[in-house]
Amino acid sequence: MESYHETVYNMINQEVIEHIRQFIENEVRSCSMDFGCITPLYVYRCWGGTVAIDEIENALNYLKANNYGY
């Protein structure tokens, strides 16, 4: 059984994953950007540092592992 903190952490991660998924889709639509160009540092800078870079990296790794196209 998950603790309250684990539940909150997983909810936050899902929000970051969804936000990055939308970000990737918007980047691909707006230009001819390759998925390989979307790095944790690139996302971090585009978002103005509002999300921790390790959370971004974990979300990108999750999307990559689940064949999102990244």
PDB file of N, CA and C in Angstrom:
ATOM      1  N   MET A   1       0.832  -1.175   0.000  1.00  0.00           N
ATOM      2  CA  MET A   1       0.000   0.000   0.000  1.00  0.00           C
ATOM      3  C   MET A   1       0.882   1.246   0.000  1.00  0.00           C
ATOM      4  N   GLU A   2       0.554   2.169  -0.878  1.00  0.00           N
ATOM      5  CA  GLU A   2       1.332   3.400  -0.990  1.00  0.00           C
ATOM      6  C   GLU A   2       1.053   4.337   0.174  1.00  0.00           C
ATOM      7  N   SER A   3       2.102   5.011   0.586  1.00  0.00           N
ATOM      8  CA  SER A   3       1.913   6.035   1.605  1.00  0.00           C
ATOM      9  C   SER A   3       1.373   7.291   0.942  1.00  0.00           C
ATOM     10  N   TYR A   4       0.956   8.219   1.751  1.00  0.00           N
ATOM     11  CA  TYR A   4       0.444   9.493   1.247  1.00  0.00           C
ATOM     12  C   TYR A   4       1.500  10.194   0.401  1.00  0.00           C
ATOM     13  N   HIS A   5       2.747  10.196   0.884  1.00  0.00           N
ATOM     14  CA  HIS A   5       3.825  10.887   0.160  1.00  0.00           C
ATOM     15  C   HIS A   5       4.115  10.225  -1.186  1.00  0.00           C
ATOM     16  N   GLU A   6       4.060   8.891  -1.224  1.00  0.00           N
ATOM     17  CA  GLU A   6       4.274   8.190  -2.493  1.00  0.00           C
ATOM     18  C   GLU A   6       3.156   8.510  -3.478  1.00  0.00           C
ATOM     19  N   THR A   7       1.935   8.577  -2.974  1.00  0.00           N
ATOM     20  CA  THR A   7       0.789   8.899  -3.827  1.00  0.00           C
ATOM     21  C   THR A   7       0.922  10.298  -4.409  1.00  0.00           C
ATOM     22  N   VAL A   8       1.274  11.260  -3.573  1.00  0.00           N
ATOM     23  CA  VAL A   8       1.458  12.638  -4.035  1.00  0.00           C
ATOM     24  C   VAL A   8       2.602  12.698  -5.033  1.00  0.00           C
ATOM     25  N   TYR A   9       3.712  12.005  -4.742  1.00  0.00           N
ATOM     26  CA  TYR A   9       4.870  11.983  -5.646  1.00  0.00           C
ATOM     27  C   TYR A   9       4.473  11.418  -7.006  1.00  0.00           C
ATOM     28  N   ASN A  10       3.710  10.326  -7.021  1.00  0.00           N
ATOM     29  CA  ASN A  10       3.285   9.720  -8.285  1.00  0.00           C
ATOM     30  C   ASN A  10       2.348  10.643  -9.057  1.00  0.00           C
ATOM     31  N   MET A  11       1.482  11.372  -8.355  1.00  0.00           N
ATOM     32  CA  MET A  11       0.590  12.320  -9.018  1.00  0.00           C
ATOM     33  C   MET A  11       1.391  13.441  -9.656  1.00  0.00           C
ATOM     34  N   ILE A  12       2.392  13.935  -8.944  1.00  0.00           N
ATOM     35  CA  ILE A  12       3.241  15.001  -9.486  1.00  0.00           C
ATOM     36  C   ILE A  12       3.984  14.492 -10.705  1.00  0.00           C
ATOM     37  N   ASN A  13       4.522  13.276 -10.621  1.00  0.00           N
ATOM     38  CA  ASN A  13       5.234  12.709 -11.761  1.00  0.00           C
ATOM     39  C   ASN A  13       4.321  12.580 -12.969  1.00  0.00           C
ATOM     40  N   GLN A  14       3.086  12.160 -12.771  1.00  0.00           N
ATOM     41  CA  GLN A  14       2.149  12.039 -13.883  1.00  0.00           C
ATOM     42  C   GLN A  14       1.866  13.403 -14.507  1.00  0.00           C
ATOM     43  N   GLU A  15       1.793  14.432 -13.683  1.00  0.00           N
ATOM     44  CA  GLU A  15       1.590  15.783 -14.203  1.00  0.00           C
ATOM     45  C   GLU A  15       2.783  16.226 -15.038  1.00  0.00           C
ATOM     46  N   VAL A  16       3.984  15.945 -14.558  1.00  0.00           N
ATOM     47  CA  VAL A  16       5.201  16.310 -15.301  1.00  0.00           C
ATOM     48  C   VAL A  16       5.258  15.530 -16.600  1.00  0.00           C
ATOM     49  N   ILE A  17       4.955  14.248 -16.552  1.00  0.00           N
ATOM     50  CA  ILE A  17       4.977  13.415 -17.764  1.00  0.00           C
ATOM     51  C   ILE A  17       3.990  13.953 -18.794  1.00  0.00           C
ATOM     52  N   GLU A  18       2.779  14.269 -18.363  1.00  0.00           N
ATOM     53  CA  GLU A  18       1.774  14.797 -19.293  1.00  0.00           C
ATOM     54  C   GLU A  18       2.197  16.152 -19.853  1.00  0.00           C
ATOM     55  N   HIS A  19       2.769  16.983 -19.009  1.00  0.00           N
ATOM     56  CA  HIS A  19       3.229  18.308 -19.449  1.00  0.00           C
ATOM     57  C   HIS A  19       4.345  18.164 -20.488  1.00  0.00           C
ATOM     58  N   ILE A  20       5.264  17.234 -20.257  1.00  0.00           N
ATOM     59  CA  ILE A  20       6.352  17.011 -21.213  1.00  0.00           C
ATOM     60  C   ILE A  20       5.808  16.412 -22.507  1.00  0.00           C
ATOM     61  N   ARG A  21       4.858  15.522 -22.402  1.00  0.00           N
ATOM     62  CA  ARG A  21       4.251  14.935 -23.607  1.00  0.00           C
ATOM     63  C   ARG A  21       3.647  16.034 -24.483  1.00  0.00           C
ATOM     64  N   GLN A  22       2.923  16.947 -23.862  1.00  0.00           N
ATOM     65  CA  GLN A  22       2.344  18.068 -24.601  1.00  0.00           C
ATOM     66  C   GLN A  22       3.434  18.977 -25.165  1.00  0.00           C
ATOM     67  N   PHE A  23       4.469  19.207 -24.382  1.00  0.00           N
ATOM     68  CA  PHE A  23       5.588  20.036 -24.821  1.00  0.00           C
ATOM     69  C   PHE A  23       6.241  19.441 -26.069  1.00  0.00           C
ATOM     70  N   ILE A  24       6.482  18.132 -26.045  1.00  0.00           N
ATOM     71  CA  ILE A  24       7.104  17.462 -27.195  1.00  0.00           C
ATOM     72  C   ILE A  24       6.215  17.596 -28.431  1.00  0.00           C
ATOM     73  N   GLU A  25       4.929  17.355 -28.263  1.00  0.00           N
ATOM     74  CA  GLU A  25       4.007  17.465 -29.396  1.00  0.00           C
ATOM     75  C   GLU A  25       4.002  18.882 -29.971  1.00  0.00           C
ATOM     76  N   ASN A  26       4.014  19.877 -29.112  1.00  0.00           N
ATOM     77  CA  ASN A  26       4.038  21.264 -29.573  1.00  0.00           C
ATOM     78  C   ASN A  26       5.345  21.599 -30.280  1.00  0.00           C
ATOM     79  N   GLU A  27       6.456  21.117 -29.753  1.00  0.00           N
ATOM     80  CA  GLU A  27       7.750  21.371 -30.380  1.00  0.00           C
ATOM     81  C   GLU A  27       7.815  20.744 -31.770  1.00  0.00           C
ATOM     82  N   VAL A  28       7.318  19.541 -31.884  1.00  0.00           N
ATOM     83  CA  VAL A  28       7.358  18.849 -33.178  1.00  0.00           C
ATOM     84  C   VAL A  28       6.450  19.545 -34.184  1.00  0.00           C
ATOM     85  N   ARG A  29       5.285  20.023 -33.734  1.00  0.00           N
ATOM     86  CA  ARG A  29       4.366  20.723 -34.626  1.00  0.00           C
ATOM     87  C   ARG A  29       4.914  22.073 -35.076  1.00  0.00           C
ATOM     88  N   SER A  30       5.594  22.759 -34.188  1.00  0.00           N
ATOM     89  CA  SER A  30       6.017  24.126 -34.478  1.00  0.00           C
ATOM     90  C   SER A  30       7.272  24.207 -35.338  1.00  0.00           C
ATOM     91  N   CYS A  31       8.040  23.137 -35.385  1.00  0.00           N
ATOM     92  CA  CYS A  31       9.266  23.166 -36.191  1.00  0.00           C
ATOM     93  C   CYS A  31       9.650  21.743 -36.564  1.00  0.00           C
ATOM     94  N   SER A  32      10.732  21.630 -37.256  1.00  0.00           N
ATOM     95  CA  SER A  32      11.175  20.302 -37.688  1.00  0.00           C
ATOM     96  C   SER A  32      12.148  19.705 -36.671  1.00  0.00           C
ATOM     97  N   MET A  33      11.864  19.869 -35.413  1.00  0.00           N
ATOM     98  CA  MET A  33      12.745  19.392 -34.353  1.00  0.00           C
ATOM     99  C   MET A  33      12.702  17.874 -34.261  1.00  0.00           C
ATOM    100  N   ASP A  34      13.856  17.300 -34.089  1.00  0.00           N
ATOM    101  CA  ASP A  34      13.998  15.864 -33.896  1.00  0.00           C
ATOM    102  C   ASP A  34      13.822  15.562 -32.411  1.00  0.00           C
ATOM    103  N   PHE A  35      13.217  14.422 -32.093  1.00  0.00           N
ATOM    104  CA  PHE A  35      13.040  14.046 -30.693  1.00  0.00           C
ATOM    105  C   PHE A  35      14.368  14.018 -29.942  1.00  0.00           C
ATOM    106  N   GLY A  36      15.438  13.643 -30.616  1.00  0.00           N
ATOM    107  CA  GLY A  36      16.756  13.574 -29.985  1.00  0.00           C
ATOM    108  C   GLY A  36      17.264  14.919 -29.514  1.00  0.00           C
ATOM    109  N   CYS A  37      16.718  15.987 -30.047  1.00  0.00           N
ATOM    110  CA  CYS A  37      17.139  17.339 -29.642  1.00  0.00           C
ATOM    111  C   CYS A  37      16.461  17.799 -28.360  1.00  0.00           C
ATOM    112  N   ILE A  38      15.438  17.083 -27.944  1.00  0.00           N
ATOM    113  CA  ILE A  38      14.724  17.466 -26.729  1.00  0.00           C
ATOM    114  C   ILE A  38      15.397  16.776 -25.549  1.00  0.00           C
ATOM    115  N   THR A  39      16.233  17.518 -24.866  1.00  0.00           N
ATOM    116  CA  THR A  39      16.989  17.004 -23.729  1.00  0.00           C
ATOM    117  C   THR A  39      16.403  17.569 -22.438  1.00  0.00           C
ATOM    118  N   PRO A  40      16.738  16.965 -21.309  1.00  0.00           N
ATOM    119  CA  PRO A  40      16.273  17.523 -20.036  1.00  0.00           C
ATOM    120  C   PRO A  40      16.683  18.985 -19.852  1.00  0.00           C
ATOM    121  N   LEU A  41      17.885  19.327 -20.251  1.00  0.00           N
ATOM    122  CA  LEU A  41      18.355  20.705 -20.109  1.00  0.00           C
ATOM    123  C   LEU A  41      17.559  21.656 -21.001  1.00  0.00           C
ATOM    124  N   TYR A  42      17.253  21.217 -22.222  1.00  0.00           N
ATOM    125  CA  TYR A  42      16.459  22.036 -23.133  1.00  0.00           C
ATOM    126  C   TYR A  42      15.077  22.320 -22.543  1.00  0.00           C
ATOM    127  N   VAL A  43      14.416  21.271 -22.034  1.00  0.00           N
ATOM    128  CA  VAL A  43      13.087  21.434 -21.436  1.00  0.00           C
ATOM    129  C   VAL A  43      13.181  22.330 -20.202  1.00  0.00           C
ATOM    130  N   TYR A  44      14.173  22.094 -19.382  1.00  0.00           N
ATOM    131  CA  TYR A  44      14.379  22.882 -18.160  1.00  0.00           C
ATOM    132  C   TYR A  44      14.504  24.362 -18.492  1.00  0.00           C
ATOM    133  N   ARG A  45      15.293  24.675 -19.496  1.00  0.00           N
ATOM    134  CA  ARG A  45      15.484  26.082 -19.885  1.00  0.00           C
ATOM    135  C   ARG A  45      14.218  26.675 -20.501  1.00  0.00           C
ATOM    136  N   CYS A  46      13.526  25.902 -21.320  1.00  0.00           N
ATOM    137  CA  CYS A  46      12.284  26.400 -21.928  1.00  0.00           C
ATOM    138  C   CYS A  46      11.229  26.688 -20.872  1.00  0.00           C
ATOM    139  N   TRP A  47      11.221  25.904 -19.813  1.00  0.00           N
ATOM    140  CA  TRP A  47      10.243  26.079 -18.743  1.00  0.00           C
ATOM    141  C   TRP A  47      10.731  27.042 -17.675  1.00  0.00           C
ATOM    142  N   GLY A  48      11.886  27.648 -17.887  1.00  0.00           N
ATOM    143  CA  GLY A  48      12.391  28.645 -16.953  1.00  0.00           C
ATOM    144  C   GLY A  48      12.784  28.096 -15.605  1.00  0.00           C
ATOM    145  N   GLY A  49      13.138  26.829 -15.550  1.00  0.00           N
ATOM    146  CA  GLY A  49      13.579  26.230 -14.294  1.00  0.00           C
ATOM    147  C   GLY A  49      12.469  25.965 -13.296  1.00  0.00           C
ATOM    148  N   THR A  50      11.223  25.937 -13.757  1.00  0.00           N
ATOM    149  CA  THR A  50      10.101  25.751 -12.829  1.00  0.00           C
ATOM    150  C   THR A  50       9.929  24.305 -12.377  1.00  0.00           C
ATOM    151  N   VAL A  51      10.538  23.364 -13.097  1.00  0.00           N
ATOM    152  CA  VAL A  51      10.484  21.947 -12.733  1.00  0.00           C
ATOM    153  C   VAL A  51      11.917  21.468 -12.586  1.00  0.00           C
ATOM    154  N   ALA A  52      12.179  20.688 -11.552  1.00  0.00           N
ATOM    155  CA  ALA A  52      13.521  20.170 -11.309  1.00  0.00           C
ATOM    156  C   ALA A  52      14.001  19.335 -12.494  1.00  0.00           C
ATOM    157  N   ILE A  53      15.261  19.505 -12.839  1.00  0.00           N
ATOM    158  CA  ILE A  53      15.806  18.827 -14.019  1.00  0.00           C
ATOM    159  C   ILE A  53      15.765  17.311 -13.860  1.00  0.00           C
ATOM    160  N   ASP A  54      15.918  16.785 -12.650  1.00  0.00           N
ATOM    161  CA  ASP A  54      15.855  15.335 -12.468  1.00  0.00           C
ATOM    162  C   ASP A  54      14.438  14.803 -12.698  1.00  0.00           C
ATOM    163  N   GLU A  55      13.418  15.593 -12.364  1.00  0.00           N
ATOM    164  CA  GLU A  55      12.041  15.182 -12.649  1.00  0.00           C
ATOM    165  C   GLU A  55      11.795  15.163 -14.154  1.00  0.00           C
ATOM    166  N   ILE A  56      12.345  16.145 -14.842  1.00  0.00           N
ATOM    167  CA  ILE A  56      12.215  16.196 -16.306  1.00  0.00           C
ATOM    168  C   ILE A  56      12.915  14.990 -16.927  1.00  0.00           C
ATOM    169  N   GLU A  57      14.109  14.699 -16.450  1.00  0.00           N
ATOM    170  CA  GLU A  57      14.867  13.560 -16.980  1.00  0.00           C
ATOM    171  C   GLU A  57      14.115  12.249 -16.738  1.00  0.00           C
ATOM    172  N   ASN A  58      13.555  12.082 -15.544  1.00  0.00           N
ATOM    173  CA  ASN A  58      12.785  10.870 -15.246  1.00  0.00           C
ATOM    174  C   ASN A  58      11.569  10.757 -16.156  1.00  0.00           C
ATOM    175  N   ALA A  59      10.893  11.860 -16.392  1.00  0.00           N
ATOM    176  CA  ALA A  59       9.710  11.839 -17.257  1.00  0.00           C
ATOM    177  C   ALA A  59      10.092  11.509 -18.699  1.00  0.00           C
ATOM    178  N   LEU A  60      11.173  12.100 -19.185  1.00  0.00           N
ATOM    179  CA  LEU A  60      11.624  11.797 -20.551  1.00  0.00           C
ATOM    180  C   LEU A  60      12.022  10.327 -20.669  1.00  0.00           C
ATOM    181  N   ASN A  61      12.687   9.798 -19.646  1.00  0.00           N
ATOM    182  CA  ASN A  61      13.061   8.382 -19.656  1.00  0.00           C
ATOM    183  C   ASN A  61      11.826   7.494 -19.644  1.00  0.00           C
ATOM    184  N   TYR A  62      10.812   7.870 -18.892  1.00  0.00           N
ATOM    185  CA  TYR A  62       9.557   7.119 -18.853  1.00  0.00           C
ATOM    186  C   TYR A  62       8.910   7.098 -20.237  1.00  0.00           C
ATOM    187  N   LEU A  63       8.841   8.262 -20.879  1.00  0.00           N
ATOM    188  CA  LEU A  63       8.232   8.333 -22.209  1.00  0.00           C
ATOM    189  C   LEU A  63       9.031   7.499 -23.203  1.00  0.00           C
ATOM    190  N   LYS A  64      10.343   7.553 -23.104  1.00  0.00           N
ATOM    191  CA  LYS A  64      11.192   6.787 -24.008  1.00  0.00           C
ATOM    192  C   LYS A  64      10.988   5.290 -23.788  1.00  0.00           C
ATOM    193  N   ALA A  65      10.921   4.868 -22.519  1.00  0.00           N
ATOM    194  CA  ALA A  65      10.750   3.446 -22.206  1.00  0.00           C
ATOM    195  C   ALA A  65       9.377   2.932 -22.642  1.00  0.00           C
ATOM    196  N   ASN A  66       8.411   3.823 -22.723  1.00  0.00           N
ATOM    197  CA  ASN A  66       7.063   3.426 -23.126  1.00  0.00           C
ATOM    198  C   ASN A  66       6.765   3.741 -24.581  1.00  0.00           C
ATOM    199  N   ASN A  67       7.814   3.878 -25.365  1.00  0.00           N
ATOM    200  CA  ASN A  67       7.711   4.057 -26.820  1.00  0.00           C
ATOM    201  C   ASN A  67       6.810   5.206 -27.226  1.00  0.00           C
ATOM    202  N   TYR A  68       6.951   6.322 -26.531  1.00  0.00           N
ATOM    203  CA  TYR A  68       6.149   7.480 -26.894  1.00  0.00           C
ATOM    204  C   TYR A  68       6.592   8.098 -28.215  1.00  0.00           C
ATOM    205  N   GLY A  69       7.776   7.741 -28.671  1.00  0.00           N
ATOM    206  CA  GLY A  69       8.293   8.331 -29.902  1.00  0.00           C
ATOM    207  C   GLY A  69       9.477   9.207 -29.616  1.00  0.00           C
ATOM    208  N   TYR A  70       9.772   9.359 -28.367  1.00  0.00           N
ATOM    209  CA  TYR A  70      10.927  10.153 -27.971  1.00  0.00           C
ATOM    210  C   TYR A  70      12.120   9.265 -27.858  1.00  0.00           C
TER     211      TYR A  70
END
